[in-house]
Amino acid sequence: MSRFARLETANARGWTRARYTITVEVQAIDGGSSNISVNAKVEGRTDGPTGAEWTTLQSTGVAEQDFLSALIENVTGSTPGKP
């Protein structure tokens, strides 16, 4: 979970599960260009005496970058940053 979320700011410990939701927003600029933003909502779950609780955590940006890199590679056929 530490790959996708900053855990040092989280009060809860004893994580039992994690999940993330990716949101992709595409804004057309002109006929051949678009702006794409990718955001991840990362949540961790703890199981305590009062039951399960999901806590939203700050993303490290890894999930967003991985998704965007895969999207670029699938659309262009080349790995981002490499000719």
PDB file of N, CA and C in Angstrom:
ATOM      1  N   MET A   1       0.815  -1.184   0.000  1.00  0.00           N
ATOM      2  CA  MET A   1       0.000   0.000   0.000  1.00  0.00           C
ATOM      3  C   MET A   1       0.867   1.258   0.000  1.00  0.00           C
ATOM      4  N   SER A   2       2.054   1.160   0.549  1.00  0.00           N
ATOM      5  CA  SER A   2       2.922   2.339   0.618  1.00  0.00           C
ATOM      6  C   SER A   2       3.388   2.790  -0.764  1.00  0.00           C
ATOM      7  N   ARG A   3       3.255   1.933  -1.770  1.00  0.00           N
ATOM      8  CA  ARG A   3       3.615   2.335  -3.139  1.00  0.00           C
ATOM      9  C   ARG A   3       2.617   3.357  -3.686  1.00  0.00           C
ATOM     10  N   PHE A   4       1.360   3.249  -3.294  1.00  0.00           N
ATOM     11  CA  PHE A   4       0.305   4.096  -3.838  1.00  0.00           C
ATOM     12  C   PHE A   4      -0.169   5.196  -2.893  1.00  0.00           C
ATOM     13  N   ALA A   5       0.143   5.103  -1.601  1.00  0.00           N
ATOM     14  CA  ALA A   5      -0.350   6.097  -0.644  1.00  0.00           C
ATOM     15  C   ALA A   5       0.739   6.502   0.337  1.00  0.00           C
ATOM     16  N   ARG A   6       0.657   7.742   0.800  1.00  0.00           N
ATOM     17  CA  ARG A   6       1.570   8.242   1.831  1.00  0.00           C
ATOM     18  C   ARG A   6       1.012   7.806   3.186  1.00  0.00           C
ATOM     19  N   LEU A   7       1.660   6.841   3.796  1.00  0.00           N
ATOM     20  CA  LEU A   7       1.159   6.276   5.041  1.00  0.00           C
ATOM     21  C   LEU A   7       1.630   7.022   6.274  1.00  0.00           C
ATOM     22  N   GLU A   8       2.680   7.826   6.154  1.00  0.00           N
ATOM     23  CA  GLU A   8       3.189   8.533   7.320  1.00  0.00           C
ATOM     24  C   GLU A   8       2.209   9.573   7.850  1.00  0.00           C
ATOM     25  N   THR A   9       1.243   9.995   7.024  1.00  0.00           N
ATOM     26  CA  THR A   9       0.260  10.984   7.469  1.00  0.00           C
ATOM     27  C   THR A   9      -1.016  10.324   7.988  1.00  0.00           C
ATOM     28  N   ALA A  10      -1.110   9.008   7.918  1.00  0.00           N
ATOM     29  CA  ALA A  10      -2.326   8.306   8.332  1.00  0.00           C
ATOM     30  C   ALA A  10      -2.248   7.955   9.818  1.00  0.00           C
ATOM     31  N   ASN A  11      -3.337   8.189  10.531  1.00  0.00           N
ATOM     32  CA  ASN A  11      -3.387   7.874  11.956  1.00  0.00           C
ATOM     33  C   ASN A  11      -3.615   6.383  12.195  1.00  0.00           C
ATOM     34  N   ALA A  12      -4.368   5.738  11.331  1.00  0.00           N
ATOM     35  CA  ALA A  12      -4.742   4.342  11.535  1.00  0.00           C
ATOM     36  C   ALA A  12      -3.606   3.405  11.170  1.00  0.00           C
ATOM     37  N   ARG A  13      -3.577   2.259  11.835  1.00  0.00           N
ATOM     38  CA  ARG A  13      -2.586   1.215  11.533  1.00  0.00           C
ATOM     39  C   ARG A  13      -3.300  -0.109  11.461  1.00  0.00           C
ATOM     40  N   GLY A  14      -2.580  -1.119  11.023  1.00  0.00           N
ATOM     41  CA  GLY A  14      -3.186  -2.430  10.913  1.00  0.00           C
ATOM     42  C   GLY A  14      -4.095  -2.538   9.696  1.00  0.00           C
ATOM     43  N   TRP A  15      -3.612  -2.038   8.562  1.00  0.00           N
ATOM     44  CA  TRP A  15      -4.393  -2.047   7.335  1.00  0.00           C
ATOM     45  C   TRP A  15      -4.723  -3.490   6.951  1.00  0.00           C
ATOM     46  N   THR A  16      -5.961  -3.738   6.576  1.00  0.00           N
ATOM     47  CA  THR A  16      -6.373  -5.075   6.160  1.00  0.00           C
ATOM     48  C   THR A  16      -6.662  -5.146   4.671  1.00  0.00           C
ATOM     49  N   ARG A  17      -6.971  -4.013   4.060  1.00  0.00           N
ATOM     50  CA  ARG A  17      -7.255  -3.946   2.622  1.00  0.00           C
ATOM     51  C   ARG A  17      -6.916  -2.561   2.101  1.00  0.00           C
ATOM     52  N   ALA A  18      -6.821  -2.495   0.790  1.00  0.00           N
ATOM     53  CA  ALA A  18      -6.617  -1.208   0.128  1.00  0.00           C
ATOM     54  C   ALA A  18      -7.375  -1.222  -1.188  1.00  0.00           C
ATOM     55  N   ARG A  19      -7.749  -0.030  -1.633  1.00  0.00           N
ATOM     56  CA  ARG A  19      -8.406   0.096  -2.937  1.00  0.00           C
ATOM     57  C   ARG A  19      -8.100   1.478  -3.484  1.00  0.00           C
ATOM     58  N   TYR A  20      -8.173   1.573  -4.806  1.00  0.00           N
ATOM     59  CA  TYR A  20      -8.040   2.895  -5.398  1.00  0.00           C
ATOM     60  C   TYR A  20      -8.980   3.007  -6.584  1.00  0.00           C
ATOM     61  N   THR A  21      -9.397   4.235  -6.824  1.00  0.00           N
ATOM     62  CA  THR A  21     -10.289   4.558  -7.931  1.00  0.00           C
ATOM     63  C   THR A  21      -9.574   5.567  -8.813  1.00  0.00           C
ATOM     64  N   ILE A  22      -9.493   5.253 -10.106  1.00  0.00           N
ATOM     65  CA  ILE A  22      -8.850   6.153 -11.066  1.00  0.00           C
ATOM     66  C   ILE A  22      -9.930   6.970 -11.777  1.00  0.00           C
ATOM     67  N   THR A  23      -9.743   8.276 -11.832  1.00  0.00           N
ATOM     68  CA  THR A  23     -10.619   9.172 -12.577  1.00  0.00           C
ATOM     69  C   THR A  23      -9.802   9.799 -13.700  1.00  0.00           C
ATOM     70  N   VAL A  24     -10.303   9.669 -14.927  1.00  0.00           N
ATOM     71  CA  VAL A  24      -9.615  10.219 -16.096  1.00  0.00           C
ATOM     72  C   VAL A  24     -10.498  11.296 -16.705  1.00  0.00           C
ATOM     73  N   GLU A  25      -9.924  12.470 -16.923  1.00  0.00           N
ATOM     74  CA  GLU A  25     -10.652  13.581 -17.544  1.00  0.00           C
ATOM     75  C   GLU A  25      -9.930  13.970 -18.828  1.00  0.00           C
ATOM     76  N   VAL A  26     -10.668  14.026 -19.917  1.00  0.00           N
ATOM     77  CA  VAL A  26     -10.107  14.386 -21.225  1.00  0.00           C
ATOM     78  C   VAL A  26     -10.760  15.679 -21.695  1.00  0.00           C
ATOM     79  N   GLN A  27      -9.940  16.662 -22.045  1.00  0.00           N
ATOM     80  CA  GLN A  27     -10.425  17.929 -22.573  1.00  0.00           C
ATOM     81  C   GLN A  27      -9.819  18.133 -23.951  1.00  0.00           C
ATOM     82  N   ALA A  28     -10.678  18.208 -24.962  1.00  0.00           N
ATOM     83  CA  ALA A  28     -10.200  18.438 -26.336  1.00  0.00           C
ATOM     84  C   ALA A  28      -9.691  19.870 -26.458  1.00  0.00           C
ATOM     85  N   ILE A  29      -8.513  20.020 -27.072  1.00  0.00           N
ATOM     86  CA  ILE A  29      -7.938  21.344 -27.315  1.00  0.00           C
ATOM     87  C   ILE A  29      -8.274  21.776 -28.726  1.00  0.00           C
ATOM     88  N   ASP A  30      -7.996  20.893 -29.674  1.00  0.00           N
ATOM     89  CA  ASP A  30      -8.332  21.129 -31.078  1.00  0.00           C
ATOM     90  C   ASP A  30      -8.530  19.763 -31.724  1.00  0.00           C
ATOM     91  N   GLY A  31      -8.562  19.702 -33.039  1.00  0.00           N
ATOM     92  CA  GLY A  31      -8.829  18.450 -33.739  1.00  0.00           C
ATOM     93  C   GLY A  31      -7.803  17.353 -33.515  1.00  0.00           C
ATOM     94  N   GLY A  32      -6.596  17.690 -33.077  1.00  0.00           N
ATOM     95  CA  GLY A  32      -5.559  16.676 -32.922  1.00  0.00           C
ATOM     96  C   GLY A  32      -4.914  16.613 -31.555  1.00  0.00           C
ATOM     97  N   SER A  33      -5.344  17.457 -30.623  1.00  0.00           N
ATOM     98  CA  SER A  33      -4.707  17.498 -29.301  1.00  0.00           C
ATOM     99  C   SER A  33      -5.741  17.492 -28.192  1.00  0.00           C
ATOM    100  N   SER A  34      -5.354  16.902 -27.062  1.00  0.00           N
ATOM    101  CA  SER A  34      -6.213  16.871 -25.876  1.00  0.00           C
ATOM    102  C   SER A  34      -5.372  16.993 -24.624  1.00  0.00           C
ATOM    103  N   ASN A  35      -5.955  17.524 -23.582  1.00  0.00           N
ATOM    104  CA  ASN A  35      -5.356  17.496 -22.249  1.00  0.00           C
ATOM    105  C   ASN A  35      -5.988  16.332 -21.504  1.00  0.00           C
ATOM    106  N   ILE A  36      -5.171  15.527 -20.847  1.00  0.00           N
ATOM    107  CA  ILE A  36      -5.672  14.394 -20.084  1.00  0.00           C
ATOM    108  C   ILE A  36      -5.164  14.524 -18.655  1.00  0.00           C
ATOM    109  N   SER A  37      -6.079  14.437 -17.696  1.00  0.00           N
ATOM    110  CA  SER A  37      -5.672  14.419 -16.291  1.00  0.00           C
ATOM    111  C   SER A  37      -6.120  13.101 -15.681  1.00  0.00           C
ATOM    112  N   VAL A  38      -5.275  12.564 -14.817  1.00  0.00           N
ATOM    113  CA  VAL A  38      -5.535  11.296 -14.158  1.00  0.00           C
ATOM    114  C   VAL A  38      -5.380  11.511 -12.657  1.00  0.00           C
ATOM    115  N   ASN A  39      -6.404  11.137 -11.888  1.00  0.00           N
ATOM    116  CA  ASN A  39      -6.367  11.275 -10.435  1.00  0.00           C
ATOM    117  C   ASN A  39      -6.753   9.954  -9.793  1.00  0.00           C
ATOM    118  N   ALA A  40      -6.084   9.621  -8.695  1.00  0.00           N
ATOM    119  CA  ALA A  40      -6.391   8.391  -7.969  1.00  0.00           C
ATOM    120  C   ALA A  40      -6.873   8.741  -6.564  1.00  0.00           C
ATOM    121  N   LYS A  41      -7.960   8.110  -6.163  1.00  0.00           N
ATOM    122  CA  LYS A  41      -8.424   8.194  -4.777  1.00  0.00           C
ATOM    123  C   LYS A  41      -8.000   6.879  -4.133  1.00  0.00           C
ATOM    124  N   VAL A  42      -7.107   6.961  -3.151  1.00  0.00           N
ATOM    125  CA  VAL A  42      -6.564   5.780  -2.497  1.00  0.00           C
ATOM    126  C   VAL A  42      -7.184   5.666  -1.107  1.00  0.00           C
ATOM    127  N   GLU A  43      -7.660   4.468  -0.773  1.00  0.00           N
ATOM    128  CA  GLU A  43      -8.276   4.236   0.531  1.00  0.00           C
ATOM    129  C   GLU A  43      -7.684   2.991   1.177  1.00  0.00           C
ATOM    130  N   GLY A  44      -7.526   3.035   2.487  1.00  0.00           N
ATOM    131  CA  GLY A  44      -7.069   1.890   3.255  1.00  0.00           C
ATOM    132  C   GLY A  44      -8.127   1.517   4.276  1.00  0.00           C
ATOM    133  N   ARG A  45      -8.234   0.225   4.553  1.00  0.00           N
ATOM    134  CA  ARG A  45      -9.259  -0.244   5.490  1.00  0.00           C
ATOM    135  C   ARG A  45      -8.607  -0.818   6.745  1.00  0.00           C
ATOM    136  N   THR A  46      -9.188  -0.477   7.868  1.00  0.00           N
ATOM    137  CA  THR A  46      -8.803  -1.067   9.144  1.00  0.00           C
ATOM    138  C   THR A  46     -10.016  -1.763   9.724  1.00  0.00           C
ATOM    139  N   ASP A  47      -9.784  -2.832  10.468  1.00  0.00           N
ATOM    140  CA  ASP A  47     -10.860  -3.552  11.138  1.00  0.00           C
ATOM    141  C   ASP A  47     -10.651  -3.394  12.637  1.00  0.00           C
ATOM    142  N   GLY A  48     -11.494  -2.581  13.246  1.00  0.00           N
ATOM    143  CA  GLY A  48     -11.367  -2.313  14.667  1.00  0.00           C
ATOM    144  C   GLY A  48     -12.541  -2.859  15.450  1.00  0.00           C
ATOM    145  N   PRO A  49     -12.595  -2.543  16.721  1.00  0.00           N
ATOM    146  CA  PRO A  49     -13.672  -3.041  17.583  1.00  0.00           C
ATOM    147  C   PRO A  49     -15.061  -2.551  17.165  1.00  0.00           C
ATOM    148  N   THR A  50     -15.108  -1.419  16.484  1.00  0.00           N
ATOM    149  CA  THR A  50     -16.404  -0.887  16.048  1.00  0.00           C
ATOM    150  C   THR A  50     -16.737  -1.297  14.621  1.00  0.00           C
ATOM    151  N   GLY A  51     -15.877  -2.107  14.006  1.00  0.00           N
ATOM    152  CA  GLY A  51     -16.125  -2.570  12.644  1.00  0.00           C
ATOM    153  C   GLY A  51     -15.086  -2.046  11.671  1.00  0.00           C
ATOM    154  N   ALA A  52     -15.347  -2.306  10.399  1.00  0.00           N
ATOM    155  CA  ALA A  52     -14.427  -1.894   9.337  1.00  0.00           C
ATOM    156  C   ALA A  52     -14.594  -0.415   9.037  1.00  0.00           C
ATOM    157  N   GLU A  53     -13.474   0.239   8.750  1.00  0.00           N
ATOM    158  CA  GLU A  53     -13.504   1.662   8.411  1.00  0.00           C
ATOM    159  C   GLU A  53     -12.529   1.929   7.270  1.00  0.00           C
ATOM    160  N   TRP A  54     -13.023   2.610   6.222  1.00  0.00           N
ATOM    161  CA  TRP A  54     -12.185   3.010   5.084  1.00  0.00           C
ATOM    162  C   TRP A  54     -11.696   4.433   5.331  1.00  0.00           C
ATOM    163  N   THR A  55     -10.404   4.651   5.137  1.00  0.00           N
ATOM    164  CA  THR A  55      -9.787   5.959   5.327  1.00  0.00           C
ATOM    165  C   THR A  55      -9.161   6.403   4.017  1.00  0.00           C
ATOM    166  N   THR A  56      -9.468   7.627   3.578  1.00  0.00           N
ATOM    167  CA  THR A  56      -8.860   8.172   2.360  1.00  0.00           C
ATOM    168  C   THR A  56      -7.449   8.632   2.682  1.00  0.00           C
ATOM    169  N   LEU A  57      -6.506   8.216   1.842  1.00  0.00           N
ATOM    170  CA  LEU A  57      -5.090   8.527   2.040  1.00  0.00           C
ATOM    171  C   LEU A  57      -4.579   9.384   0.885  1.00  0.00           C
ATOM    172  N   GLN A  58      -3.494  10.092   1.114  1.00  0.00           N
ATOM    173  CA  GLN A  58      -2.894  10.921   0.070  1.00  0.00           C
ATOM    174  C   GLN A  58      -2.139  10.031  -0.913  1.00  0.00           C
ATOM    175  N   SER A  59      -2.411  10.218  -2.181  1.00  0.00           N
ATOM    176  CA  SER A  59      -1.762   9.438  -3.237  1.00  0.00           C
ATOM    177  C   SER A  59      -0.299   9.841  -3.394  1.00  0.00           C
ATOM    178  N   THR A  60       0.542   8.867  -3.731  1.00  0.00           N
ATOM    179  CA  THR A  60       1.945   9.153  -4.050  1.00  0.00           C
ATOM    180  C   THR A  60       2.115   9.575  -5.503  1.00  0.00           C
ATOM    181  N   GLY A  61       1.078   9.356  -6.329  1.00  0.00           N
ATOM    182  CA  GLY A  61       1.146   9.687  -7.748  1.00  0.00           C
ATOM    183  C   GLY A  61       1.569   8.512  -8.621  1.00  0.00           C
ATOM    184  N   VAL A  62       1.924   7.395  -8.009  1.00  0.00           N
ATOM    185  CA  VAL A  62       2.389   6.229  -8.756  1.00  0.00           C
ATOM    186  C   VAL A  62       1.267   5.619  -9.594  1.00  0.00           C
ATOM    187  N   ALA A  63       0.091   5.454  -9.020  1.00  0.00           N
ATOM    188  CA  ALA A  63      -1.033   4.864  -9.769  1.00  0.00           C
ATOM    189  C   ALA A  63      -1.386   5.729 -10.975  1.00  0.00           C
ATOM    190  N   GLU A  64      -1.399   7.040 -10.786  1.00  0.00           N
ATOM    191  CA  GLU A  64      -1.712   7.954 -11.878  1.00  0.00           C
ATOM    192  C   GLU A  64      -0.664   7.864 -12.992  1.00  0.00           C
ATOM    193  N   GLN A  65       0.604   7.844 -12.607  1.00  0.00           N
ATOM    194  CA  GLN A  65       1.683   7.790 -13.597  1.00  0.00           C
ATOM    195  C   GLN A  65       1.683   6.458 -14.340  1.00  0.00           C
ATOM    196  N   ASP A  66       1.458   5.357 -13.614  1.00  0.00           N
ATOM    197  CA  ASP A  66       1.391   4.038 -14.259  1.00  0.00           C
ATOM    198  C   ASP A  66       0.259   3.982 -15.279  1.00  0.00           C
ATOM    199  N   PHE A  67      -0.903   4.512 -14.908  1.00  0.00           N
ATOM    200  CA  PHE A  67      -2.051   4.507 -15.813  1.00  0.00           C
ATOM    201  C   PHE A  67      -1.763   5.358 -17.047  1.00  0.00           C
ATOM    202  N   LEU A  68      -1.240   6.557 -16.832  1.00  0.00           N
ATOM    203  CA  LEU A  68      -0.961   7.468 -17.938  1.00  0.00           C
ATOM    204  C   LEU A  68       0.106   6.890 -18.876  1.00  0.00           C
ATOM    205  N   SER A  69       1.129   6.265 -18.328  1.00  0.00           N
ATOM    206  CA  SER A  69       2.166   5.635 -19.153  1.00  0.00           C
ATOM    207  C   SER A  69       1.587   4.512 -20.010  1.00  0.00           C
ATOM    208  N   ALA A  70       0.721   3.677 -19.414  1.00  0.00           N
ATOM    209  CA  ALA A  70       0.092   2.586 -20.165  1.00  0.00           C
ATOM    210  C   ALA A  70      -0.822   3.136 -21.251  1.00  0.00           C
ATOM    211  N   LEU A  71      -1.543   4.212 -20.962  1.00  0.00           N
ATOM    212  CA  LEU A  71      -2.421   4.831 -21.953  1.00  0.00           C
ATOM    213  C   LEU A  71      -1.605   5.359 -23.134  1.00  0.00           C
ATOM    214  N   ILE A  72      -0.525   6.064 -22.853  1.00  0.00           N
ATOM    215  CA  ILE A  72       0.329   6.611 -23.916  1.00  0.00           C
ATOM    216  C   ILE A  72       0.900   5.491 -24.766  1.00  0.00           C
ATOM    217  N   GLU A  73       1.370   4.429 -24.110  1.00  0.00           N
ATOM    218  CA  GLU A  73       1.955   3.315 -24.855  1.00  0.00           C
ATOM    219  C   GLU A  73       0.917   2.631 -25.744  1.00  0.00           C
ATOM    220  N   ASN A  74      -0.306   2.475 -25.252  1.00  0.00           N
ATOM    221  CA  ASN A  74      -1.357   1.840 -26.060  1.00  0.00           C
ATOM    222  C   ASN A  74      -1.821   2.720 -27.216  1.00  0.00           C
ATOM    223  N   VAL A  75      -1.810   4.031 -27.033  1.00  0.00           N
ATOM    224  CA  VAL A  75      -2.271   4.925 -28.087  1.00  0.00           C
ATOM    225  C   VAL A  75      -1.182   5.156 -29.133  1.00  0.00           C
ATOM    226  N   THR A  76       0.055   5.349 -28.673  1.00  0.00           N
ATOM    227  CA  THR A  76       1.133   5.706 -29.599  1.00  0.00           C
ATOM    228  C   THR A  76       1.986   4.520 -30.048  1.00  0.00           C
ATOM    229  N   GLY A  77       1.987   3.442 -29.259  1.00  0.00           N
ATOM    230  CA  GLY A  77       2.815   2.291 -29.577  1.00  0.00           C
ATOM    231  C   GLY A  77       4.236   2.400 -29.060  1.00  0.00           C
ATOM    232  N   SER A  78       4.558   3.495 -28.368  1.00  0.00           N
ATOM    233  CA  SER A  78       5.904   3.640 -27.814  1.00  0.00           C
ATOM    234  C   SER A  78       5.826   4.009 -26.335  1.00  0.00           C
ATOM    235  N   THR A  79       6.878   3.662 -25.623  1.00  0.00           N
ATOM    236  CA  THR A  79       6.949   3.956 -24.193  1.00  0.00           C
ATOM    237  C   THR A  79       7.203   5.451 -23.993  1.00  0.00           C
ATOM    238  N   PRO A  80       6.480   6.097 -23.063  1.00  0.00           N
ATOM    239  CA  PRO A  80       6.699   7.533 -22.818  1.00  0.00           C
ATOM    240  C   PRO A  80       8.143   7.835 -22.469  1.00  0.00           C
ATOM    241  N   GLY A  81       8.658   8.887 -23.067  1.00  0.00           N
ATOM    242  CA  GLY A  81      10.033   9.305 -22.816  1.00  0.00           C
ATOM    243  C   GLY A  81      11.060   8.617 -23.692  1.00  0.00           C
ATOM    244  N   LYS A  82      10.633   7.657 -24.517  1.00  0.00           N
ATOM    245  CA  LYS A  82      11.562   6.965 -25.404  1.00  0.00           C
ATOM    246  C   LYS A  82      11.069   7.163 -26.848  1.00  0.00           C
ATOM    247  N   PRO A  83      11.999   7.440 -27.762  1.00  0.00           N
ATOM    248  CA  PRO A  83      11.596   7.665 -29.153  1.00  0.00           C
ATOM    249  C   PRO A  83      11.080   6.409 -29.833  1.00  0.00           C
TER     250      PRO A  83
END
